[in-house]
Protein backbone atom coordinates (compact mmCIF):
# COMPACT_ATOMS: atom_id res chain seq x y z
CA UNK A 1 -27.96 10.48 -2.79
CA UNK A 2 -24.74 9.04 -3.65
CA UNK A 3 -22.14 7.74 -1.49
CA UNK A 4 -18.81 6.76 -3.26
CA UNK A 5 -15.43 4.91 -2.25
CA UNK A 6 -12.57 7.51 -3.22
CA UNK A 7 -9.09 5.21 -4.22
CA UNK A 8 -9.51 3.18 -6.94
CA UNK A 9 -13.08 3.88 -7.28
CA UNK A 10 -13.35 7.83 -8.32
CA UNK A 11 -9.63 8.70 -8.12
CA UNK A 12 -6.72 6.50 -8.93
CA UNK A 13 -2.87 6.80 -8.92
CA UNK A 14 -0.34 6.23 -11.86
CA UNK A 15 0.18 2.79 -10.77
CA UNK A 16 -3.63 2.02 -10.84
CA UNK A 17 -4.02 3.49 -14.26
CA UNK A 18 -4.52 -0.17 -15.65
CA UNK A 19 -4.49 -1.14 -19.23
CA UNK A 20 -1.14 0.83 -19.69
CA UNK A 21 -3.02 3.99 -21.38
CA UNK A 22 -2.86 7.42 -20.60
CA UNK A 23 -5.98 9.01 -20.38
CA UNK A 24 -5.55 12.92 -20.07
CA UNK A 25 -6.04 13.32 -16.68
CA UNK A 26 -6.81 15.84 -13.60
CA UNK A 27 -4.25 15.85 -10.58
CA UNK A 28 -6.89 15.56 -7.81
CA UNK A 29 -4.01 15.11 -4.62
CA UNK A 30 -0.65 16.61 -3.76
CA UNK A 31 1.68 14.15 -1.09
CA UNK A 32 4.62 15.62 -0.04
CA UNK A 33 4.28 18.29 -2.98
CA UNK A 34 4.10 15.85 -5.75
CA UNK A 35 1.13 14.85 -7.97
CA UNK A 36 -0.58 11.66 -6.02
CA UNK A 37 -4.05 10.69 -7.40
CA UNK A 38 -6.25 11.88 -10.33
CA UNK A 39 -9.37 11.48 -12.53
CA UNK A 40 -9.80 11.88 -16.30
CA UNK A 41 -10.70 14.72 -17.27
CA UNK A 42 -13.75 13.23 -18.49
CA UNK A 43 -14.63 11.78 -14.79
CA UNK A 44 -13.82 15.20 -13.50
CA UNK A 45 -16.23 17.21 -15.78
CA UNK A 46 -18.82 14.42 -14.77
CA UNK A 47 -18.19 14.35 -11.16
CA UNK A 48 -18.58 17.94 -11.16
CA UNK A 49 -22.12 18.11 -12.84
CA UNK A 50 -23.26 15.11 -10.83
CA UNK A 51 -22.39 17.10 -7.25
CA UNK A 52 -24.57 20.10 -8.47
CA UNK A 53 -27.78 18.00 -8.38
CA UNK A 54 -27.23 14.76 -5.77
CA UNK A 55 -26.69 14.78 -2.48
CA UNK A 56 -22.71 13.50 -3.07
CA UNK A 57 -20.81 12.10 -0.32
CA UNK A 58 -17.29 11.01 -0.51
CA UNK A 59 -17.06 7.77 2.09
CA UNK A 60 -13.21 6.34 2.54
CA UNK A 61 -11.27 4.65 4.54
CA UNK A 62 -8.70 7.07 4.43
CA UNK A 63 -8.00 9.00 7.58
CA UNK A 64 -9.24 12.52 8.05
CA UNK A 65 -5.82 13.96 7.02
CA UNK A 66 -5.59 12.01 4.43
CA UNK A 67 -9.12 12.62 3.28
CA UNK A 68 -8.38 16.40 3.44
CA UNK A 69 -5.38 16.23 0.81
CA UNK A 70 -7.94 15.63 -1.84
CA UNK A 71 -9.43 18.02 -3.80
CA UNK A 72 -12.72 16.50 -5.83
CA UNK A 73 -14.27 18.54 -8.40
CA UNK A 74 -17.10 20.82 -7.78
CA UNK A 75 -18.23 22.31 -4.55
CA UNK A 76 -16.79 20.50 -1.90
CA UNK A 77 -19.66 18.43 0.06
CA UNK A 78 -21.45 19.47 3.27
CA UNK A 79 -20.75 15.71 4.31
CA UNK A 80 -18.22 13.72 3.96
CA UNK A 81 -17.44 9.77 5.60
CA UNK A 82 -13.48 8.97 6.74
CA UNK A 83 -11.59 6.01 8.72
CA UNK A 84 -13.67 3.37 7.02
CA UNK A 85 -16.97 4.61 8.79
CA UNK A 86 -15.23 6.04 11.78
CA UNK A 87 -15.81 9.35 11.62
CA UNK A 88 -18.70 11.61 9.67
CA UNK A 89 -17.29 15.29 8.23
CA UNK A 90 -20.00 18.43 8.77
CA UNK A 91 -17.93 21.13 6.33
CA UNK A 92 -15.00 19.39 7.36
CA UNK A 93 -15.35 19.20 10.75
CA UNK A 94 -15.83 15.98 12.95
CA UNK A 95 -18.72 15.12 14.15
CA UNK A 96 -17.70 14.35 17.94
CA UNK A 97 -20.66 12.68 19.21
CA UNK A 98 -20.67 10.12 16.25
CA UNK A 99 -17.26 9.11 17.48
CA UNK A 100 -17.81 9.22 21.09
CA UNK A 101 -20.65 6.95 20.59
CA UNK A 102 -18.50 4.54 17.85
CA UNK A 103 -16.07 4.36 20.46
CA UNK A 104 -18.42 3.54 23.18
CA UNK A 105 -19.52 0.30 21.28
CA UNK A 106 -16.12 -0.88 20.30
CA UNK A 107 -15.19 -0.71 23.63
CA UNK A 108 -17.84 -2.43 24.54
CA UNK A 109 -18.01 -5.36 21.97
CA UNK A 110 -14.47 -5.56 20.68
CA UNK A 111 -10.57 -6.17 21.26
CA UNK A 112 -8.78 -2.78 21.93
CA UNK A 113 -6.56 -1.74 19.15
CA UNK A 114 -3.52 -2.35 21.64
CA UNK A 115 -4.07 -5.63 21.78
CA UNK A 116 -4.88 -6.31 17.81
CA UNK A 117 -1.77 -4.50 16.99
CA UNK A 118 0.59 -5.86 19.42
CA UNK A 119 -0.72 -9.78 18.38
CA UNK A 120 -0.21 -8.33 14.65
CA UNK A 121 3.52 -7.11 15.28
CA UNK A 122 4.07 -10.28 16.99
CA UNK A 123 3.15 -12.02 13.69
CA UNK A 124 4.99 -9.86 11.05
CA UNK A 125 8.66 -9.78 10.54
CA UNK A 126 11.02 -6.94 7.87
CA UNK A 127 11.12 -9.91 5.24
CA UNK A 128 7.32 -8.55 3.97
CA UNK A 129 6.20 -5.81 6.03
CA UNK A 130 6.98 -2.66 5.20
CA UNK A 131 5.11 -0.57 7.79
CA UNK A 132 2.42 -0.82 10.32
CA UNK A 133 0.26 2.06 10.95
CA UNK A 134 -2.55 3.21 13.45
CA UNK A 135 -5.91 5.02 11.64
CA UNK A 136 -7.34 7.71 13.90
CA UNK A 137 -6.68 5.73 16.47
CA UNK A 138 -9.48 2.86 15.54
CA UNK A 139 -7.87 0.40 13.69
CA UNK A 140 -4.82 0.08 12.17
CA UNK A 141 -2.85 -1.88 8.79
CA UNK A 142 0.01 -3.02 7.52
CA UNK A 143 1.47 -2.42 4.35
CA UNK A 144 3.30 -5.22 2.81
CA UNK A 145 5.38 -6.47 -0.08
CA UNK A 146 2.81 -8.86 -1.91
CA UNK A 147 5.75 -10.71 -3.49
CA UNK A 148 6.82 -12.00 0.21
CA UNK A 149 3.31 -11.98 1.77
CA UNK A 150 3.13 -15.33 2.93
CA UNK A 151 0.26 -17.10 0.99
CA UNK A 152 -1.91 -17.60 4.40
CA UNK A 153 -0.95 -14.50 6.48
CA UNK A 154 -4.03 -13.37 5.53
CA UNK A 155 -6.65 -16.20 6.41
CA UNK A 156 -4.87 -16.88 9.55
CA UNK A 157 -4.74 -13.11 10.82
CA UNK A 158 -8.52 -12.99 9.84
CA UNK A 159 -8.91 -16.34 11.65
CA UNK A 160 -7.62 -14.66 15.35
CA UNK A 161 -9.36 -11.26 14.66
CA UNK A 162 -13.24 -12.14 14.05
CA UNK A 163 -13.94 -13.97 16.96
CA UNK A 164 -12.56 -10.29 19.10
CA UNK A 165 -14.83 -8.89 17.25
CA UNK A 166 -12.67 -7.40 14.07
CA UNK A 167 -11.90 -8.40 10.42
CA UNK A 168 -9.57 -8.31 8.26
CA UNK A 169 -8.85 -7.07 4.43
CA UNK A 170 -6.32 -6.70 2.06
CA UNK A 171 -6.99 -3.59 -0.51
CA UNK A 172 -3.48 -3.81 -2.85
CA UNK A 173 -0.49 -3.88 -0.40
CA UNK A 174 -2.55 -2.41 2.62
CA UNK A 175 -4.08 -5.40 4.63
CA UNK A 176 -6.60 -3.50 7.17
CA UNK A 177 -7.72 -4.96 10.67
CA UNK A 178 -10.96 -3.05 11.71
CA UNK A 179 -13.44 -3.56 14.35
CA UNK A 180 -16.55 -4.57 13.41
CA UNK A 181 -18.85 -1.24 14.75
CA UNK A 182 -16.24 0.55 12.04
CA UNK A 183 -18.08 0.16 8.80
CA UNK A 184 -19.08 2.55 6.02
CA UNK A 185 -22.94 1.71 5.93
CA UNK A 186 -23.61 2.72 9.39
CA UNK A 187 -22.28 5.91 8.42
CA UNK A 188 -23.82 6.41 5.44
CA UNK A 189 -27.19 5.86 6.79
CA UNK A 190 -26.58 7.95 9.75
CA UNK A 191 -25.66 10.80 6.90
CA UNK A 192 -28.70 10.09 5.02
CA UNK A 193 -30.83 10.48 7.91
CA UNK A 194 -29.34 13.54 8.93
CA UNK A 195 -30.21 15.18 5.39
CA UNK A 196 -33.70 13.95 5.97
CA UNK A 197 -34.31 15.07 9.07
CA UNK A 198 -33.05 18.56 7.74
CA UNK A 199 -35.07 18.86 5.15
CA UNK A 200 -31.99 18.59 2.67
CA UNK A 201 -32.84 14.95 1.24
CA UNK A 202 -36.54 13.88 0.11
CA UNK A 203 -37.43 10.80 2.67
CA UNK A 204 -38.40 8.58 -0.32
CA UNK A 205 -35.09 9.53 -2.20
CA UNK A 206 -32.64 6.70 -3.52
CA UNK A 207 -29.45 5.65 -2.16
CA UNK A 208 -27.12 4.29 -5.30
CA UNK A 209 -23.49 3.80 -4.15
CA UNK A 210 -20.08 2.81 -5.62
CA UNK A 211 -16.44 1.06 -4.49
CA UNK A 212 -13.59 -1.39 -5.23
CA UNK A 213 -13.20 -3.34 -1.64
CA UNK A 214 -14.41 -6.02 0.43
CA UNK A 215 -14.91 -2.60 2.91
CA UNK A 216 -17.57 -1.48 0.63
CA UNK A 217 -19.22 -4.24 0.61
CA UNK A 218 -22.06 -3.83 3.30
CA UNK A 219 -22.41 -0.05 1.68
CA UNK A 220 -23.10 -1.79 -1.55
CA UNK A 221 -25.26 -4.12 -0.15
CA UNK A 222 -27.66 -1.59 1.35
CA UNK A 223 -28.27 0.76 -1.37
CA UNK A 224 -30.74 0.96 -3.82
CA UNK A 225 -28.48 0.09 -6.04
CA UNK A 226 -24.71 0.13 -6.55
CA UNK A 227 -21.91 -0.45 -9.09
CA UNK A 228 -18.28 -1.61 -8.25
CA UNK A 229 -15.58 -1.19 -10.49
CA UNK A 230 -14.21 -4.81 -12.50
CA UNK A 231 -10.84 -4.85 -10.83
CA UNK A 232 -10.06 -4.56 -6.87
CA UNK A 233 -10.59 -6.78 -3.92
CA UNK A 234 -14.28 -7.48 -5.02
CA UNK A 235 -13.04 -8.62 -8.75
CA UNK A 236 -10.74 -10.80 -7.32
CA UNK A 237 -13.32 -12.23 -4.89
CA UNK A 238 -15.55 -12.23 -7.90
CA UNK A 239 -18.12 -10.74 -5.67
CA UNK A 240 -21.49 -10.09 -6.74
CA UNK A 241 -25.05 -9.11 -5.15
CA UNK A 242 -28.25 -8.51 -7.29
CA UNK A 243 -28.54 -4.58 -7.24
CA UNK A 244 -25.24 -4.01 -8.19
CA UNK A 245 -24.21 -3.69 -11.38
CA UNK A 246 -20.01 -4.21 -12.87
CA UNK A 247 -18.17 -1.64 -15.20
CA UNK A 248 -16.91 -3.20 -18.11
CA UNK A 249 -13.72 -1.48 -17.86
CA UNK A 250 -11.13 -2.03 -15.41
CA UNK A 251 -8.80 0.94 -14.18
CA UNK A 252 -9.36 4.74 -14.37
CA UNK A 253 -11.74 4.69 -16.97
CA UNK A 254 -14.03 2.68 -14.73
CA UNK A 255 -14.43 5.57 -12.71
CA UNK A 256 -15.70 7.73 -15.94
CA UNK A 257 -18.45 4.54 -16.36
CA UNK A 258 -19.23 4.86 -12.70
CA UNK A 259 -20.12 8.60 -13.00
CA UNK A 260 -21.99 7.83 -16.15
CA UNK A 261 -23.99 5.38 -14.29
CA UNK A 262 -24.98 7.90 -11.40
CA UNK A 263 -25.85 10.83 -13.65
CA UNK A 264 -28.06 7.69 -15.79
CA UNK A 265 -29.78 6.32 -12.67
CA UNK A 266 -30.43 9.67 -11.14
CA UNK A 267 -31.69 11.27 -14.51
CA UNK A 268 -28.80 13.66 -15.03
CA UNK A 269 -26.68 14.22 -17.64
CA UNK A 270 -24.14 17.05 -18.44
CA UNK A 271 -25.06 19.46 -21.05
CA UNK A 272 -24.73 18.19 -24.55
CA UNK A 273 -23.84 14.91 -23.62
CA UNK A 274 -25.27 12.50 -25.18
CA UNK A 275 -23.16 9.37 -24.26
CA UNK A 276 -23.87 5.95 -22.72
CA UNK A 277 -22.55 4.12 -19.73
CA UNK A 278 -21.04 0.86 -20.78
CA UNK A 279 -21.49 -0.70 -17.66
CA UNK A 280 -23.44 -4.17 -17.21
CA UNK A 281 -24.96 -5.70 -14.34
CA UNK A 282 -24.20 -8.42 -12.22
CA UNK A 283 -27.55 -8.83 -10.80
CA UNK A 284 -30.75 -6.98 -11.60
CA UNK A 285 -30.11 -3.57 -10.50
CA UNK A 286 -33.20 -2.19 -9.15
CA UNK A 287 -33.10 0.88 -11.31
């Protein structure tokens, strides 16, 4: 089973291509009628091949609506995880029991979204805060002007949130405030349990994962082996773990390496493809 983050791991906006290169690409998302996210042609072809032979689960902090804009290569996955683990989709439909149980845990253990959003609104001003948004009635995020963002803002906001059962993560121009029970790793483990229970996944099957942000870190830790790109929040934090490999490339080319890594560790390669992945381990990956 492969669980993978999307933005800046599998799919990339033009601003995230990196190194000024213009590789041949496939558009996988349109927003307001305009092309928005891409994969390289090679990555798209290999992603299609991988989706044919493994349980390939998209795992994203995007809301359900934002995720549904994306058209990944190959047959649609039976399962997807959105809203940072807040929603599990089965054949495109949200699982209400999962969400109901999660909401109950958040109510029991964490400050309310209203309380957190109210405090956040009081801490920002228009000099650096561009937008404040809620996501699926679960968490909120701030879109900021990075050049004007106060240096200590994220740390101070995180210090307020943590005693109240929330955490803070910055990914690009977005600063997320997230209740602790809402996490990708828990939802991935639940999807794996369901696939095993249904007979669609061998109980001994290994779990592989990929992601670039702090919100992906726990998902990478629980995997048997994982990979992250040489960019993003985890790269800025110099984050590593014994089971995590780091790509050689940054930007959209890292997406190709990540998919080739999955093809290699699952012993799958597209017909006629003899290329070798160039990623190298930050620790000792259990392949």
